[in-house]
C-alpha cells in the first residue's frame, strides 16, 4: 500500500467521522429541544394541578364504578 493510498484512506475515514459528528450534534440538538418542550409541559400540568387543588377541585378518592 502506497503512501498515497494510506492518505486517501485517512481522508475517507475523516469524512465519515465528520458526518458522524454532524449527525450526533443534530440528534443532541433535537433531544434538547424536546426536553425543553417536555419541561414546559410538565410545568403547565403542575400549575394546572395546583390551580385545581387551590380551587378545591382536587382529585376525589372515589372507587371506580367497576369495584
C-alpha atoms as a PDB file:
ATOM      1  CA  UNK A   1       0.000   0.000   0.000  1.00  0.00           C
ATOM      2  CA  UNK A   2       1.476   3.296  -1.049  1.00  0.00           C
ATOM      3  CA  UNK A   3       1.607   6.477   0.976  1.00  0.00           C
ATOM      4  CA  UNK A   4      -0.994   7.995  -1.364  1.00  0.00           C
ATOM      5  CA  UNK A   5      -3.394   5.083  -0.757  1.00  0.00           C
ATOM      6  CA  UNK A   6      -2.980   5.460   3.004  1.00  0.00           C
ATOM      7  CA  UNK A   7      -3.602   9.202   2.699  1.00  0.00           C
ATOM      8  CA  UNK A   8      -6.796   8.539   0.738  1.00  0.00           C
ATOM      9  CA  UNK A   9      -7.944   6.023   3.387  1.00  0.00           C
ATOM     10  CA  UNK A  10      -7.329   8.591   6.123  1.00  0.00           C
ATOM     11  CA  UNK A  11      -9.310  11.226   4.213  1.00  0.00           C
ATOM     12  CA  UNK A  12     -12.211   8.802   3.770  1.00  0.00           C
ATOM     13  CA  UNK A  13     -12.222   7.908   7.471  1.00  0.00           C
ATOM     14  CA  UNK A  14     -12.041  11.586   8.434  1.00  0.00           C
ATOM     15  CA  UNK A  15     -15.017  12.363   6.200  1.00  0.00           C
ATOM     16  CA  UNK A  16     -17.018   9.546   7.778  1.00  0.00           C
ATOM     17  CA  UNK A  17     -16.169  10.809  11.265  1.00  0.00           C
ATOM     18  CA  UNK A  18     -17.224  14.347  10.339  1.00  0.00           C
ATOM     19  CA  UNK A  19     -20.569  13.004   9.119  1.00  0.00           C
ATOM     20  CA  UNK A  20     -20.997  11.041  12.342  1.00  0.00           C
ATOM     21  CA  UNK A  21     -20.215  14.095  14.487  1.00  0.00           C
ATOM     22  CA  UNK A  22     -22.705  16.187  12.490  1.00  0.00           C
ATOM     23  CA  UNK A  23     -25.382  13.520  12.945  1.00  0.00           C
ATOM     24  CA  UNK A  24     -24.711  13.294  16.678  1.00  0.00           C
ATOM     25  CA  UNK A  25     -24.832  17.088  17.023  1.00  0.00           C
ATOM     26  CA  UNK A  26     -28.197  17.216  15.255  1.00  0.00           C
ATOM     27  CA  UNK A  27     -29.531  14.428  17.465  1.00  0.00           C
ATOM     28  CA  UNK A  28     -28.368  16.172  20.639  1.00  0.00           C
ATOM     29  CA  UNK A  29     -29.892  19.464  19.490  1.00  0.00           C
ATOM     30  CA  UNK A  30     -33.240  17.823  18.696  1.00  0.00           C
ATOM     31  CA  UNK A  31     -33.265  15.982  22.025  1.00  0.00           C
ATOM     32  CA  UNK A  32     -32.513  19.231  23.854  1.00  0.00           C
ATOM     33  CA  UNK A  33     -35.438  20.927  22.134  1.00  0.00           C
ATOM     34  CA  UNK A  34     -37.724  18.028  23.012  1.00  0.00           C
ATOM     35  CA  UNK A  35     -36.581  18.091  26.646  1.00  0.00           C
ATOM     36  CA  UNK A  36     -37.347  21.831  26.773  1.00  0.00           C
ATOM     37  CA  UNK A  37     -40.833  21.166  25.373  1.00  0.00           C
ATOM     38  CA  UNK A  38     -41.485  18.402  27.884  1.00  0.00           C
ATOM     39  CA  UNK A  39     -40.255  20.535  30.793  1.00  0.00           C
ATOM     40  CA  UNK A  40     -42.622  23.320  29.735  1.00  0.00           C
ATOM     41  CA  UNK A  41     -45.491  20.819  29.527  1.00  0.00           C
ATOM     42  CA  UNK A  42     -44.732  19.425  32.984  1.00  0.00           C
ATOM     43  CA  UNK A  43     -44.629  22.959  34.408  1.00  0.00           C
ATOM     44  CA  UNK A  44     -48.032  23.737  32.859  1.00  0.00           C
ATOM     45  CA  UNK A  45     -49.510  20.493  34.182  1.00  0.00           C
ATOM     46  CA  UNK A  46     -48.117  21.163  37.662  1.00  0.00           C
ATOM     47  CA  UNK A  47     -49.605  24.660  37.613  1.00  0.00           C
ATOM     48  CA  UNK A  48     -52.942  23.254  36.455  1.00  0.00           C
ATOM     49  CA  UNK A  49     -52.961  20.702  39.293  1.00  0.00           C
ATOM     50  CA  UNK A  50     -52.072  23.418  41.821  1.00  0.00           C
ATOM     51  CA  UNK A  51     -54.862  25.634  40.493  1.00  0.00           C
ATOM     52  CA  UNK A  52     -57.383  22.786  40.776  1.00  0.00           C
ATOM     53  CA  UNK A  53     -56.195  21.969  44.286  1.00  0.00           C
ATOM     54  CA  UNK A  54     -56.393  25.608  45.375  1.00  0.00           C
ATOM     55  CA  UNK A  55     -59.904  25.862  43.932  1.00  0.00           C
ATOM     56  CA  UNK A  56     -60.966  22.797  45.914  1.00  0.00           C
ATOM     57  CA  UNK A  57     -61.327  20.707  42.778  1.00  0.00           C
ATOM     58  CA  UNK A  58     -58.603  18.213  43.554  1.00  0.00           C
ATOM     59  CA  UNK A  59     -58.903  14.572  42.640  1.00  0.00           C
ATOM     60  CA  UNK A  60     -61.543  12.707  44.565  1.00  0.00           C
ATOM     61  CA  UNK A  61     -60.511   9.414  46.101  1.00  0.00           C
ATOM     62  CA  UNK A  62     -63.541   7.520  44.926  1.00  0.00           C
ATOM     63  CA  UNK A  63     -63.501   3.928  43.837  1.00  0.00           C
ATOM     64  CA  UNK A  64     -64.153   3.458  40.126  1.00  0.00           C
ATOM     65  CA  UNK A  65     -67.634   2.120  39.270  1.00  0.00           C
ATOM     66  CA  UNK A  66     -66.324  -1.360  38.476  1.00  0.00           C
ATOM     67  CA  UNK A  67     -65.451  -2.001  42.167  1.00  0.00           C
END
